[in-house]
Amino acid sequence: MPPCTLCPGGTYVLSGNFTAGLEYHHKAVAGLESLVQSDPNNAVVAGDLAYAHSLIANTHERMADAAGSRNQRVQHWREAKGWYQKSLSGWLGLESRGTLANADKGEPERIRQAIAKCDTALQSR
């Protein structure tokens, strides 16, 4: 999954400034979590939150690929998997409530594949 190129976090990730990208993505998650708490039935915000979780996961995946040491790679693959799992939970919640947007119907499977990629990386490292 490519990073979001329409947001500053994605621009930083694409340029290799992963720390700044994560900072922006974490701020987005915090804001979206606040919105979900105030309006838990808002499927659009819940989908945005699930997507934001996957942006953090993708950034950690890229950090794992760029890491110099085995320990750093493992740490980032674990982080990526954890954030992908949060993303999957959000998508599945929307799906179970019947509020998953048509445009997002493939997200649960895409995230499952990303989690499998993390598992493979963790087993081989």
PDB file of N, CA and C in Angstrom:
ATOM      1  N   MET A   1       0.841  -1.167   0.000  1.00  0.00           N
ATOM      2  CA  MET A   1       0.000   0.000   0.000  1.00  0.00           C
ATOM      3  C   MET A   1       0.887   1.232   0.000  1.00  0.00           C
ATOM      4  N   PRO A   2       0.664   2.141  -0.920  1.00  0.00           N
ATOM      5  CA  PRO A   2       1.465   3.359  -0.929  1.00  0.00           C
ATOM      6  C   PRO A   2       1.002   4.308   0.165  1.00  0.00           C
ATOM      7  N   PRO A   3       1.900   5.143   0.656  1.00  0.00           N
ATOM      8  CA  PRO A   3       1.479   6.126   1.648  1.00  0.00           C
ATOM      9  C   PRO A   3       0.542   7.151   1.016  1.00  0.00           C
ATOM     10  N   CYS A   4      -0.214   7.810   1.840  1.00  0.00           N
ATOM     11  CA  CYS A   4      -1.113   8.860   1.371  1.00  0.00           C
ATOM     12  C   CYS A   4      -0.276  10.019   0.839  1.00  0.00           C
ATOM     13  N   THR A   5      -0.439  10.324  -0.436  1.00  0.00           N
ATOM     14  CA  THR A   5       0.350  11.412  -1.024  1.00  0.00           C
ATOM     15  C   THR A   5      -0.360  12.755  -0.901  1.00  0.00           C
ATOM     16  N   LEU A   6      -1.569  12.747  -0.373  1.00  0.00           N
ATOM     17  CA  LEU A   6      -2.313  13.984  -0.214  1.00  0.00           C
ATOM     18  C   LEU A   6      -2.185  14.571   1.183  1.00  0.00           C
ATOM     19  N   CYS A   7      -1.403  13.933   2.039  1.00  0.00           N
ATOM     20  CA  CYS A   7      -1.234  14.431   3.399  1.00  0.00           C
ATOM     21  C   CYS A   7       0.254  14.598   3.696  1.00  0.00           C
ATOM     22  N   PRO A   8       0.589  15.494   4.616  1.00  0.00           N
ATOM     23  CA  PRO A   8       2.011  15.710   4.923  1.00  0.00           C
ATOM     24  C   PRO A   8       2.716  14.441   5.389  1.00  0.00           C
ATOM     25  N   GLY A   9       2.034  13.591   6.162  1.00  0.00           N
ATOM     26  CA  GLY A   9       2.663  12.358   6.640  1.00  0.00           C
ATOM     27  C   GLY A   9       3.137  11.484   5.499  1.00  0.00           C
ATOM     28  N   GLY A  10       2.290  11.319   4.494  1.00  0.00           N
ATOM     29  CA  GLY A  10       2.656  10.503   3.342  1.00  0.00           C
ATOM     30  C   GLY A  10       3.802  11.090   2.557  1.00  0.00           C
ATOM     31  N   THR A  11       3.828  12.405   2.445  1.00  0.00           N
ATOM     32  CA  THR A  11       4.924  13.079   1.745  1.00  0.00           C
ATOM     33  C   THR A  11       6.237  12.841   2.468  1.00  0.00           C
ATOM     34  N   TYR A  12       6.209  12.934   3.797  1.00  0.00           N
ATOM     35  CA  TYR A  12       7.420  12.661   4.569  1.00  0.00           C
ATOM     36  C   TYR A  12       7.873  11.216   4.396  1.00  0.00           C
ATOM     37  N   VAL A  13       6.936  10.280   4.444  1.00  0.00           N
ATOM     38  CA  VAL A  13       7.279   8.859   4.301  1.00  0.00           C
ATOM     39  C   VAL A  13       7.923   8.613   2.946  1.00  0.00           C
ATOM     40  N   LEU A  14       7.335   9.174   1.900  1.00  0.00           N
ATOM     41  CA  LEU A  14       7.884   8.985   0.556  1.00  0.00           C
ATOM     42  C   LEU A  14       9.295   9.553   0.421  1.00  0.00           C
ATOM     43  N   SER A  15       9.585  10.606   1.180  1.00  0.00           N
ATOM     44  CA  SER A  15      10.918  11.213   1.111  1.00  0.00           C
ATOM     45  C   SER A  15      11.906  10.513   2.033  1.00  0.00           C
ATOM     46  N   GLY A  16      11.436   9.521   2.800  1.00  0.00           N
ATOM     47  CA  GLY A  16      12.326   8.786   3.701  1.00  0.00           C
ATOM     48  C   GLY A  16      12.388   9.351   5.106  1.00  0.00           C
ATOM     49  N   ASN A  17      11.622  10.396   5.378  1.00  0.00           N
ATOM     50  CA  ASN A  17      11.592  10.965   6.728  1.00  0.00           C
ATOM     51  C   ASN A  17      10.464  10.277   7.502  1.00  0.00           C
ATOM     52  N   PHE A  18      10.749   9.051   7.916  1.00  0.00           N
ATOM     53  CA  PHE A  18       9.738   8.217   8.549  1.00  0.00           C
ATOM     54  C   PHE A  18       9.271   8.770   9.889  1.00  0.00           C
ATOM     55  N   THR A  19      10.177   9.358  10.648  1.00  0.00           N
ATOM     56  CA  THR A  19       9.822   9.889  11.965  1.00  0.00           C
ATOM     57  C   THR A  19       8.772  10.987  11.833  1.00  0.00           C
ATOM     58  N   ALA A  20       8.991  11.906  10.914  1.00  0.00           N
ATOM     59  CA  ALA A  20       8.016  12.985  10.709  1.00  0.00           C
ATOM     60  C   ALA A  20       6.702  12.418  10.169  1.00  0.00           C
ATOM     61  N   GLY A  21       6.785  11.436   9.282  1.00  0.00           N
ATOM     62  CA  GLY A  21       5.580  10.811   8.758  1.00  0.00           C
ATOM     63  C   GLY A  21       4.766  10.158   9.853  1.00  0.00           C
ATOM     64  N   LEU A  22       5.452   9.425  10.730  1.00  0.00           N
ATOM     65  CA  LEU A  22       4.741   8.790  11.843  1.00  0.00           C
ATOM     66  C   LEU A  22       4.094   9.827  12.750  1.00  0.00           C
ATOM     67  N   GLU A  23       4.788  10.922  12.984  1.00  0.00           N
ATOM     68  CA  GLU A  23       4.245  11.977  13.841  1.00  0.00           C
ATOM     69  C   GLU A  23       2.909  12.486  13.276  1.00  0.00           C
ATOM     70  N   TYR A  24       2.879  12.768  11.982  1.00  0.00           N
ATOM     71  CA  TYR A  24       1.638  13.235  11.364  1.00  0.00           C
ATOM     72  C   TYR A  24       0.561  12.160  11.403  1.00  0.00           C
ATOM     73  N   HIS A  25       0.922  10.916  11.102  1.00  0.00           N
ATOM     74  CA  HIS A  25      -0.062   9.841  11.114  1.00  0.00           C
ATOM     75  C   HIS A  25      -0.632   9.624  12.516  1.00  0.00           C
ATOM     76  N   HIS A  26       0.218   9.704  13.534  1.00  0.00           N
ATOM     77  CA  HIS A  26      -0.262   9.542  14.909  1.00  0.00           C
ATOM     78  C   HIS A  26      -1.201  10.683  15.307  1.00  0.00           C
ATOM     79  N   LYS A  27      -0.902  11.889  14.862  1.00  0.00           N
ATOM     80  CA  LYS A  27      -1.804  13.013  15.133  1.00  0.00           C
ATOM     81  C   LYS A  27      -3.152  12.787  14.458  1.00  0.00           C
ATOM     82  N   ALA A  28      -3.129  12.266  13.241  1.00  0.00           N
ATOM     83  CA  ALA A  28      -4.383  11.972  12.537  1.00  0.00           C
ATOM     84  C   ALA A  28      -5.184  10.929  13.304  1.00  0.00           C
ATOM     85  N   VAL A  29      -4.513   9.883  13.769  1.00  0.00           N
ATOM     86  CA  VAL A  29      -5.201   8.838  14.534  1.00  0.00           C
ATOM     87  C   VAL A  29      -5.824   9.425  15.798  1.00  0.00           C
ATOM     88  N   ALA A  30      -5.080  10.258  16.505  1.00  0.00           N
ATOM     89  CA  ALA A  30      -5.608  10.856  17.740  1.00  0.00           C
ATOM     90  C   ALA A  30      -6.858  11.686  17.449  1.00  0.00           C
ATOM     91  N   GLY A  31      -6.812  12.478  16.403  1.00  0.00           N
ATOM     92  CA  GLY A  31      -7.971  13.285  16.048  1.00  0.00           C
ATOM     93  C   GLY A  31      -9.161  12.431  15.640  1.00  0.00           C
ATOM     94  N   LEU A  32      -8.901  11.406  14.850  1.00  0.00           N
ATOM     95  CA  LEU A  32      -9.975  10.524  14.405  1.00  0.00           C
ATOM     96  C   LEU A  32     -10.562   9.725  15.559  1.00  0.00           C
ATOM     97  N   GLU A  33      -9.718   9.286  16.490  1.00  0.00           N
ATOM     98  CA  GLU A  33     -10.223   8.562  17.662  1.00  0.00           C
ATOM     99  C   GLU A  33     -11.164   9.451  18.467  1.00  0.00           C
ATOM    100  N   SER A  34     -10.817  10.722  18.585  1.00  0.00           N
ATOM    101  CA  SER A  34     -11.671  11.667  19.296  1.00  0.00           C
ATOM    102  C   SER A  34     -13.015  11.815  18.587  1.00  0.00           C
ATOM    103  N   LEU A  35     -12.987  11.895  17.270  1.00  0.00           N
ATOM    104  CA  LEU A  35     -14.228  12.006  16.507  1.00  0.00           C
ATOM    105  C   LEU A  35     -15.079  10.745  16.626  1.00  0.00           C
ATOM    106  N   VAL A  36     -14.439   9.571  16.605  1.00  0.00           N
ATOM    107  CA  VAL A  36     -15.172   8.306  16.746  1.00  0.00           C
ATOM    108  C   VAL A  36     -15.831   8.239  18.126  1.00  0.00           C
ATOM    109  N   GLN A  37     -15.126   8.711  19.147  1.00  0.00           N
ATOM    110  CA  GLN A  37     -15.706   8.691  20.497  1.00  0.00           C
ATOM    111  C   GLN A  37     -16.930   9.591  20.585  1.00  0.00           C
ATOM    112  N   SER A  38     -16.878  10.727  19.900  1.00  0.00           N
ATOM    113  CA  SER A  38     -18.012  11.647  19.971  1.00  0.00           C
ATOM    114  C   SER A  38     -19.169  11.224  19.063  1.00  0.00           C
ATOM    115  N   ASP A  39     -18.870  10.421  18.051  1.00  0.00           N
ATOM    116  CA  ASP A  39     -19.918   9.955  17.132  1.00  0.00           C
ATOM    117  C   ASP A  39     -19.599   8.532  16.677  1.00  0.00           C
ATOM    118  N   PRO A  40     -19.813   7.547  17.548  1.00  0.00           N
ATOM    119  CA  PRO A  40     -19.419   6.169  17.245  1.00  0.00           C
ATOM    120  C   PRO A  40     -20.143   5.546  16.053  1.00  0.00           C
ATOM    121  N   ASN A  41     -21.243   6.118  15.616  1.00  0.00           N
ATOM    122  CA  ASN A  41     -21.984   5.564  14.484  1.00  0.00           C
ATOM    123  C   ASN A  41     -21.577   6.174  13.153  1.00  0.00           C
ATOM    124  N   ASN A  42     -20.588   7.048  13.161  1.00  0.00           N
ATOM    125  CA  ASN A  42     -20.144   7.695  11.931  1.00  0.00           C
ATOM    126  C   ASN A  42     -19.203   6.752  11.183  1.00  0.00           C
ATOM    127  N   ALA A  43     -19.740   6.095  10.166  1.00  0.00           N
ATOM    128  CA  ALA A  43     -18.980   5.087   9.421  1.00  0.00           C
ATOM    129  C   ALA A  43     -17.844   5.716   8.617  1.00  0.00           C
ATOM    130  N   VAL A  44     -18.019   6.939   8.169  1.00  0.00           N
ATOM    131  CA  VAL A  44     -16.961   7.598   7.386  1.00  0.00           C
ATOM    132  C   VAL A  44     -15.733   7.834   8.256  1.00  0.00           C
ATOM    133  N   VAL A  45     -15.946   8.344   9.451  1.00  0.00           N
ATOM    134  CA  VAL A  45     -14.823   8.599  10.359  1.00  0.00           C
ATOM    135  C   VAL A  45     -14.189   7.274  10.790  1.00  0.00           C
ATOM    136  N   ALA A  46     -14.999   6.269  11.051  1.00  0.00           N
ATOM    137  CA  ALA A  46     -14.462   4.960  11.438  1.00  0.00           C
ATOM    138  C   ALA A  46     -13.604   4.377  10.313  1.00  0.00           C
ATOM    139  N   GLY A  47     -14.035   4.549   9.078  1.00  0.00           N
ATOM    140  CA  GLY A  47     -13.237   4.087   7.942  1.00  0.00           C
ATOM    141  C   GLY A  47     -11.941   4.873   7.809  1.00  0.00           C
ATOM    142  N   ASP A  48     -12.029   6.175   8.042  1.00  0.00           N
ATOM    143  CA  ASP A  48     -10.811   6.997   7.999  1.00  0.00           C
ATOM    144  C   ASP A  48      -9.828   6.555   9.078  1.00  0.00           C
ATOM    145  N   LEU A  49     -10.347   6.203  10.249  1.00  0.00           N
ATOM    146  CA  LEU A  49      -9.482   5.734  11.329  1.00  0.00           C
ATOM    147  C   LEU A  49      -8.826   4.409  10.963  1.00  0.00           C
ATOM    148  N   ALA A  50      -9.580   3.489  10.400  1.00  0.00           N
ATOM    149  CA  ALA A  50      -9.009   2.202   9.972  1.00  0.00           C
ATOM    150  C   ALA A  50      -7.917   2.437   8.930  1.00  0.00           C
ATOM    151  N   TYR A  51      -8.167   3.362   8.018  1.00  0.00           N
ATOM    152  CA  TYR A  51      -7.169   3.694   6.996  1.00  0.00           C
ATOM    153  C   TYR A  51      -5.936   4.332   7.632  1.00  0.00           C
ATOM    154  N   ALA A  52      -6.138   5.224   8.584  1.00  0.00           N
ATOM    155  CA  ALA A  52      -5.003   5.875   9.250  1.00  0.00           C
ATOM    156  C   ALA A  52      -4.141   4.850   9.989  1.00  0.00           C
ATOM    157  N   HIS A  53      -4.790   3.860  10.605  1.00  0.00           N
ATOM    158  CA  HIS A  53      -4.023   2.787  11.250  1.00  0.00           C
ATOM    159  C   HIS A  53      -3.135   2.080  10.227  1.00  0.00           C
ATOM    160  N   SER A  54      -3.673   1.859   9.030  1.00  0.00           N
ATOM    161  CA  SER A  54      -2.875   1.168   8.013  1.00  0.00           C
ATOM    162  C   SER A  54      -1.739   2.047   7.493  1.00  0.00           C
ATOM    163  N   LEU A  55      -1.897   3.372   7.542  1.00  0.00           N
ATOM    164  CA  LEU A  55      -0.795   4.266   7.147  1.00  0.00           C
ATOM    165  C   LEU A  55       0.369   4.151   8.125  1.00  0.00           C
ATOM    166  N   ILE A  56       0.057   4.075   9.408  1.00  0.00           N
ATOM    167  CA  ILE A  56       1.111   3.886  10.409  1.00  0.00           C
ATOM    168  C   ILE A  56       1.775   2.534  10.187  1.00  0.00           C
ATOM    169  N   ALA A  57       0.981   1.511   9.946  1.00  0.00           N
ATOM    170  CA  ALA A  57       1.529   0.174   9.696  1.00  0.00           C
ATOM    171  C   ALA A  57       2.452   0.186   8.493  1.00  0.00           C
ATOM    172  N   ASN A  58       2.009   0.822   7.418  1.00  0.00           N
ATOM    173  CA  ASN A  58       2.817   0.876   6.204  1.00  0.00           C
ATOM    174  C   ASN A  58       4.127   1.617   6.440  1.00  0.00           C
ATOM    175  N   THR A  59       4.091   2.651   7.249  1.00  0.00           N
ATOM    176  CA  THR A  59       5.322   3.387   7.557  1.00  0.00           C
ATOM    177  C   THR A  59       6.296   2.486   8.301  1.00  0.00           C
ATOM    178  N   HIS A  60       5.794   1.713   9.259  1.00  0.00           N
ATOM    179  CA  HIS A  60       6.675   0.783   9.986  1.00  0.00           C
ATOM    180  C   HIS A  60       7.203  -0.303   9.048  1.00  0.00           C
ATOM    181  N   GLU A  61       6.394  -0.726   8.107  1.00  0.00           N
ATOM    182  CA  GLU A  61       6.849  -1.713   7.122  1.00  0.00           C
ATOM    183  C   GLU A  61       8.031  -1.146   6.326  1.00  0.00           C
ATOM    184  N   ARG A  62       7.904   0.098   5.902  1.00  0.00           N
ATOM    185  CA  ARG A  62       8.989   0.752   5.161  1.00  0.00           C
ATOM    186  C   ARG A  62      10.223   0.950   6.039  1.00  0.00           C
ATOM    187  N   MET A  63       9.990   1.248   7.315  1.00  0.00           N
ATOM    188  CA  MET A  63      11.104   1.405   8.246  1.00  0.00           C
ATOM    189  C   MET A  63      11.823   0.073   8.452  1.00  0.00           C
ATOM    190  N   ALA A  64      11.066  -1.007   8.476  1.00  0.00           N
ATOM    191  CA  ALA A  64      11.674  -2.337   8.603  1.00  0.00           C
ATOM    192  C   ALA A  64      12.569  -2.623   7.403  1.00  0.00           C
ATOM    193  N   ASP A  65      12.071  -2.286   6.221  1.00  0.00           N
ATOM    194  CA  ASP A  65      12.856  -2.515   5.004  1.00  0.00           C
ATOM    195  C   ASP A  65      14.137  -1.686   4.987  1.00  0.00           C
ATOM    196  N   ALA A  66      14.090  -0.509   5.625  1.00  0.00           N
ATOM    197  CA  ALA A  66      15.247   0.383   5.617  1.00  0.00           C
ATOM    198  C   ALA A  66      16.153   0.212   6.833  1.00  0.00           C
ATOM    199  N   ALA A  67      15.731  -0.597   7.792  1.00  0.00           N
ATOM    200  CA  ALA A  67      16.476  -0.731   9.054  1.00  0.00           C
ATOM    201  C   ALA A  67      17.828  -1.400   8.837  1.00  0.00           C
ATOM    202  N   GLY A  68      18.781  -0.950   9.630  1.00  0.00           N
ATOM    203  CA  GLY A  68      20.128  -1.497   9.515  1.00  0.00           C
ATOM    204  C   GLY A  68      20.342  -2.775  10.299  1.00  0.00           C
ATOM    205  N   SER A  69      19.714  -2.883  11.437  1.00  0.00           N
ATOM    206  CA  SER A  69      19.962  -4.060  12.276  1.00  0.00           C
ATOM    207  C   SER A  69      18.755  -4.996  12.282  1.00  0.00           C
ATOM    208  N   ARG A  70      19.031  -6.235  12.586  1.00  0.00           N
ATOM    209  CA  ARG A  70      17.975  -7.238  12.666  1.00  0.00           C
ATOM    210  C   ARG A  70      16.962  -6.850  13.739  1.00  0.00           C
ATOM    211  N   ASN A  71      17.435  -6.385  14.886  1.00  0.00           N
ATOM    212  CA  ASN A  71      16.530  -5.999  15.976  1.00  0.00           C
ATOM    213  C   ASN A  71      15.582  -4.884  15.555  1.00  0.00           C
ATOM    214  N   GLN A  72      16.108  -3.912  14.816  1.00  0.00           N
ATOM    215  CA  GLN A  72      15.258  -2.822  14.338  1.00  0.00           C
ATOM    216  C   GLN A  72      14.223  -3.340  13.341  1.00  0.00           C
ATOM    217  N   ARG A  73      14.652  -4.228  12.446  1.00  0.00           N
ATOM    218  CA  ARG A  73      13.715  -4.788  11.477  1.00  0.00           C
ATOM    219  C   ARG A  73      12.580  -5.519  12.192  1.00  0.00           C
ATOM    220  N   VAL A  74      12.933  -6.364  13.144  1.00  0.00           N
ATOM    221  CA  VAL A  74      11.922  -7.127  13.884  1.00  0.00           C
ATOM    222  C   VAL A  74      10.971  -6.184  14.614  1.00  0.00           C
ATOM    223  N   GLN A  75      11.537  -5.169  15.249  1.00  0.00           N
ATOM    224  CA  GLN A  75      10.708  -4.208  15.979  1.00  0.00           C
ATOM    225  C   GLN A  75       9.703  -3.538  15.043  1.00  0.00           C
ATOM    226  N   HIS A  76      10.144  -3.107  13.877  1.00  0.00           N
ATOM    227  CA  HIS A  76       9.243  -2.423  12.951  1.00  0.00           C
ATOM    228  C   HIS A  76       8.226  -3.377  12.330  1.00  0.00           C
ATOM    229  N   TRP A  77       8.628  -4.614  12.045  1.00  0.00           N
ATOM    230  CA  TRP A  77       7.648  -5.579  11.524  1.00  0.00           C
ATOM    231  C   TRP A  77       6.580  -5.861  12.578  1.00  0.00           C
ATOM    232  N   ARG A  78       6.965  -5.939  13.836  1.00  0.00           N
ATOM    233  CA  ARG A  78       5.974  -6.157  14.905  1.00  0.00           C
ATOM    234  C   ARG A  78       5.028  -4.974  15.021  1.00  0.00           C
ATOM    235  N   GLU A  79       5.603  -3.775  14.958  1.00  0.00           N
ATOM    236  CA  GLU A  79       4.762  -2.569  14.995  1.00  0.00           C
ATOM    237  C   GLU A  79       3.802  -2.552  13.813  1.00  0.00           C
ATOM    238  N   ALA A  80       4.325  -2.858  12.638  1.00  0.00           N
ATOM    239  CA  ALA A  80       3.483  -2.870  11.440  1.00  0.00           C
ATOM    240  C   ALA A  80       2.325  -3.840  11.626  1.00  0.00           C
ATOM    241  N   LYS A  81       2.620  -5.036  12.094  1.00  0.00           N
ATOM    242  CA  LYS A  81       1.580  -6.043  12.281  1.00  0.00           C
ATOM    243  C   LYS A  81       0.529  -5.555  13.275  1.00  0.00           C
ATOM    244  N   GLY A  82       0.965  -4.968  14.374  1.00  0.00           N
ATOM    245  CA  GLY A  82       0.026  -4.469  15.375  1.00  0.00           C
ATOM    246  C   GLY A  82      -0.911  -3.404  14.820  1.00  0.00           C
ATOM    247  N   TRP A  83      -0.356  -2.479  14.044  1.00  0.00           N
ATOM    248  CA  TRP A  83      -1.187  -1.422  13.452  1.00  0.00           C
ATOM    249  C   TRP A  83      -2.092  -1.977  12.360  1.00  0.00           C
ATOM    250  N   TYR A  84      -1.603  -2.948  11.596  1.00  0.00           N
ATOM    251  CA  TYR A  84      -2.476  -3.585  10.603  1.00  0.00           C
ATOM    252  C   TYR A  84      -3.625  -4.313  11.301  1.00  0.00           C
ATOM    253  N   GLN A  85      -3.355  -4.923  12.445  1.00  0.00           N
ATOM    254  CA  GLN A  85      -4.413  -5.613  13.178  1.00  0.00           C
ATOM    255  C   GLN A  85      -5.474  -4.620  13.662  1.00  0.00           C
ATOM    256  N   LYS A  86      -5.030  -3.436  14.102  1.00  0.00           N
ATOM    257  CA  LYS A  86      -5.986  -2.400  14.498  1.00  0.00           C
ATOM    258  C   LYS A  86      -6.821  -1.973  13.294  1.00  0.00           C
ATOM    259  N   SER A  87      -6.158  -1.821  12.160  1.00  0.00           N
ATOM    260  CA  SER A  87      -6.865  -1.451  10.942  1.00  0.00           C
ATOM    261  C   SER A  87      -7.903  -2.512  10.580  1.00  0.00           C
ATOM    262  N   LEU A  88      -7.498  -3.776  10.608  1.00  0.00           N
ATOM    263  CA  LEU A  88      -8.414  -4.860  10.273  1.00  0.00           C
ATOM    264  C   LEU A  88      -9.612  -4.867  11.212  1.00  0.00           C
ATOM    265  N   SER A  89      -9.366  -4.653  12.476  1.00  0.00           N
ATOM    266  CA  SER A  89     -10.455  -4.614  13.444  1.00  0.00           C
ATOM    267  C   SER A  89     -11.470  -3.533  13.079  1.00  0.00           C
ATOM    268  N   GLY A  90     -10.968  -2.383  12.677  1.00  0.00           N
ATOM    269  CA  GLY A  90     -11.869  -1.308  12.268  1.00  0.00           C
ATOM    270  C   GLY A  90     -12.676  -1.663  11.035  1.00  0.00           C
ATOM    271  N   TRP A  91     -12.009  -2.219  10.030  1.00  0.00           N
ATOM    272  CA  TRP A  91     -12.719  -2.598   8.795  1.00  0.00           C
ATOM    273  C   TRP A  91     -13.750  -3.683   9.072  1.00  0.00           C
ATOM    274  N   LEU A  92     -13.382  -4.664   9.898  1.00  0.00           N
ATOM    275  CA  LEU A  92     -14.324  -5.748  10.198  1.00  0.00           C
ATOM    276  C   LEU A  92     -15.513  -5.249  11.010  1.00  0.00           C
ATOM    277  N   GLY A  93     -15.265  -4.265  11.881  1.00  0.00           N
ATOM    278  CA  GLY A  93     -16.370  -3.665  12.626  1.00  0.00           C
ATOM    279  C   GLY A  93     -17.367  -3.011  11.690  1.00  0.00           C
ATOM    280  N   LEU A  94     -16.857  -2.268  10.732  1.00  0.00           N
ATOM    281  CA  LEU A  94     -17.733  -1.640   9.743  1.00  0.00           C
ATOM    282  C   LEU A  94     -18.492  -2.699   8.937  1.00  0.00           C
ATOM    283  N   GLU A  95     -17.773  -3.737   8.563  1.00  0.00           N
ATOM    284  CA  GLU A  95     -18.384  -4.808   7.773  1.00  0.00           C
ATOM    285  C   GLU A  95     -19.503  -5.492   8.565  1.00  0.00           C
ATOM    286  N   SER A  96     -19.250  -5.783   9.829  1.00  0.00           N
ATOM    287  CA  SER A  96     -20.248  -6.493  10.633  1.00  0.00           C
ATOM    288  C   SER A  96     -21.487  -5.640  10.897  1.00  0.00           C
ATOM    289  N   ARG A  97     -21.330  -4.324  10.900  1.00  0.00           N
ATOM    290  CA  ARG A  97     -22.474  -3.424  11.093  1.00  0.00           C
ATOM    291  C   ARG A  97     -23.178  -3.101   9.764  1.00  0.00           C
ATOM    292  N   GLY A  98     -22.605  -3.606   8.667  1.00  0.00           N
ATOM    293  CA  GLY A  98     -23.204  -3.342   7.365  1.00  0.00           C
ATOM    294  C   GLY A  98     -22.969  -1.923   6.872  1.00  0.00           C
ATOM    295  N   THR A  99     -21.919  -1.274   7.387  1.00  0.00           N
ATOM    296  CA  THR A  99     -21.662   0.118   7.019  1.00  0.00           C
ATOM    297  C   THR A  99     -20.336   0.303   6.273  1.00  0.00           C
ATOM    298  N   LEU A 100     -19.751  -0.797   5.824  1.00  0.00           N
ATOM    299  CA  LEU A 100     -18.513  -0.708   5.054  1.00  0.00           C
ATOM    300  C   LEU A 100     -18.837  -0.160   3.663  1.00  0.00           C
ATOM    301  N   ALA A 101     -18.214   0.942   3.312  1.00  0.00           N
ATOM    302  CA  ALA A 101     -18.479   1.578   2.019  1.00  0.00           C
ATOM    303  C   ALA A 101     -18.076   0.650   0.879  1.00  0.00           C
ATOM    304  N   ASN A 102     -18.810   0.729  -0.222  1.00  0.00           N
ATOM    305  CA  ASN A 102     -18.500  -0.105  -1.390  1.00  0.00           C
ATOM    306  C   ASN A 102     -17.049   0.057  -1.828  1.00  0.00           C
ATOM    307  N   ALA A 103     -16.546   1.276  -1.773  1.00  0.00           N
ATOM    308  CA  ALA A 103     -15.167   1.538  -2.195  1.00  0.00           C
ATOM    309  C   ALA A 103     -14.153   0.847  -1.291  1.00  0.00           C
ATOM    310  N   ASP A 104     -14.562   0.489  -0.078  1.00  0.00           N
ATOM    311  CA  ASP A 104     -13.653  -0.122   0.901  1.00  0.00           C
ATOM    312  C   ASP A 104     -13.866  -1.623   1.071  1.00  0.00           C
ATOM    313  N   LYS A 105     -14.696  -2.226   0.251  1.00  0.00           N
ATOM    314  CA  LYS A 105     -15.022  -3.654   0.405  1.00  0.00           C
ATOM    315  C   LYS A 105     -13.781  -4.543   0.375  1.00  0.00           C
ATOM    316  N   GLY A 106     -12.744  -4.147  -0.340  1.00  0.00           N
ATOM    317  CA  GLY A 106     -11.531  -4.950  -0.434  1.00  0.00           C
ATOM    318  C   GLY A 106     -10.533  -4.717   0.689  1.00  0.00           C
ATOM    319  N   GLU A 107     -10.802  -3.744   1.539  1.00  0.00           N
ATOM    320  CA  GLU A 107      -9.837  -3.407   2.593  1.00  0.00           C
ATOM    321  C   GLU A 107      -9.575  -4.546   3.576  1.00  0.00           C
ATOM    322  N   PRO A 108     -10.590  -5.237   4.076  1.00  0.00           N
ATOM    323  CA  PRO A 108     -10.276  -6.326   5.005  1.00  0.00           C
ATOM    324  C   PRO A 108      -9.301  -7.352   4.409  1.00  0.00           C
ATOM    325  N   GLU A 109      -9.507  -7.732   3.172  1.00  0.00           N
ATOM    326  CA  GLU A 109      -8.613  -8.721   2.556  1.00  0.00           C
ATOM    327  C   GLU A 109      -7.226  -8.135   2.318  1.00  0.00           C
ATOM    328  N   ARG A 110      -7.173  -6.879   1.899  1.00  0.00           N
ATOM    329  CA  ARG A 110      -5.875  -6.233   1.677  1.00  0.00           C
ATOM    330  C   ARG A 110      -5.075  -6.182   2.976  1.00  0.00           C
ATOM    331  N   ILE A 111      -5.756  -5.889   4.071  1.00  0.00           N
ATOM    332  CA  ILE A 111      -5.075  -5.810   5.369  1.00  0.00           C
ATOM    333  C   ILE A 111      -4.682  -7.208   5.843  1.00  0.00           C
ATOM    334  N   ARG A 112      -5.522  -8.205   5.599  1.00  0.00           N
ATOM    335  CA  ARG A 112      -5.131  -9.593   5.944  1.00  0.00           C
ATOM    336  C   ARG A 112      -3.847  -9.980   5.214  1.00  0.00           C
ATOM    337  N   GLN A 113      -3.747  -9.601   3.956  1.00  0.00           N
ATOM    338  CA  GLN A 113      -2.535  -9.901   3.186  1.00  0.00           C
ATOM    339  C   GLN A 113      -1.330  -9.162   3.750  1.00  0.00           C
ATOM    340  N   ALA A 114      -1.526  -7.945   4.201  1.00  0.00           N
ATOM    341  CA  ALA A 114      -0.428  -7.186   4.802  1.00  0.00           C
ATOM    342  C   ALA A 114       0.027  -7.833   6.107  1.00  0.00           C
ATOM    343  N   ILE A 115      -0.925  -8.327   6.886  1.00  0.00           N
ATOM    344  CA  ILE A 115      -0.581  -9.022   8.134  1.00  0.00           C
ATOM    345  C   ILE A 115       0.200 -10.294   7.816  1.00  0.00           C
ATOM    346  N   ALA A 116      -0.223 -11.019   6.795  1.00  0.00           N
ATOM    347  CA  ALA A 116       0.496 -12.236   6.384  1.00  0.00           C
ATOM    348  C   ALA A 116       1.922 -11.888   5.953  1.00  0.00           C
ATOM    349  N   LYS A 117       2.095 -10.774   5.271  1.00  0.00           N
ATOM    350  CA  LYS A 117       3.432 -10.332   4.870  1.00  0.00           C
ATOM    351  C   LYS A 117       4.291 -10.055   6.107  1.00  0.00           C
ATOM    352  N   CYS A 118       3.702  -9.424   7.104  1.00  0.00           N
ATOM    353  CA  CYS A 118       4.427  -9.178   8.362  1.00  0.00           C
ATOM    354  C   CYS A 118       4.823 -10.493   9.017  1.00  0.00           C
ATOM    355  N   ASP A 119       3.880 -11.425   9.066  1.00  0.00           N
ATOM    356  CA  ASP A 119       4.182 -12.733   9.666  1.00  0.00           C
ATOM    357  C   ASP A 119       5.330 -13.418   8.939  1.00  0.00           C
ATOM    358  N   THR A 120       5.320 -13.368   7.627  1.00  0.00           N
ATOM    359  CA  THR A 120       6.401 -13.971   6.842  1.00  0.00           C
ATOM    360  C   THR A 120       7.732 -13.301   7.145  1.00  0.00           C
ATOM    361  N   ALA A 121       7.711 -11.990   7.213  1.00  0.00           N
ATOM    362  CA  ALA A 121       8.948 -11.248   7.498  1.00  0.00           C
ATOM    363  C   ALA A 121       9.461 -11.580   8.894  1.00  0.00           C
ATOM    364  N   LEU A 122       8.566 -11.678   9.848  1.00  0.00           N
ATOM    365  CA  LEU A 122       8.980 -11.986  11.216  1.00  0.00           C
ATOM    366  C   LEU A 122       9.521 -13.416  11.342  1.00  0.00           C
ATOM    367  N   GLN A 123       8.995 -14.336  10.571  1.00  0.00           N
ATOM    368  CA  GLN A 123       9.480 -15.712  10.614  1.00  0.00           C
ATOM    369  C   GLN A 123      10.845 -15.864   9.961  1.00  0.00           C
ATOM    370  N   SER A 124      11.104 -15.007   8.976  1.00  0.00           N
ATOM    371  CA  SER A 124      12.368 -15.156   8.236  1.00  0.00           C
ATOM    372  C   SER A 124      13.476 -14.280   8.798  1.00  0.00           C
ATOM    373  N   ARG A 125      13.192 -13.490   9.780  1.00  0.00           N
ATOM    374  CA  ARG A 125      14.210 -12.556  10.293  1.00  0.00           C
ATOM    375  C   ARG A 125      14.760 -13.083  11.568  1.00  0.00           C
TER     376      ARG A 125
END
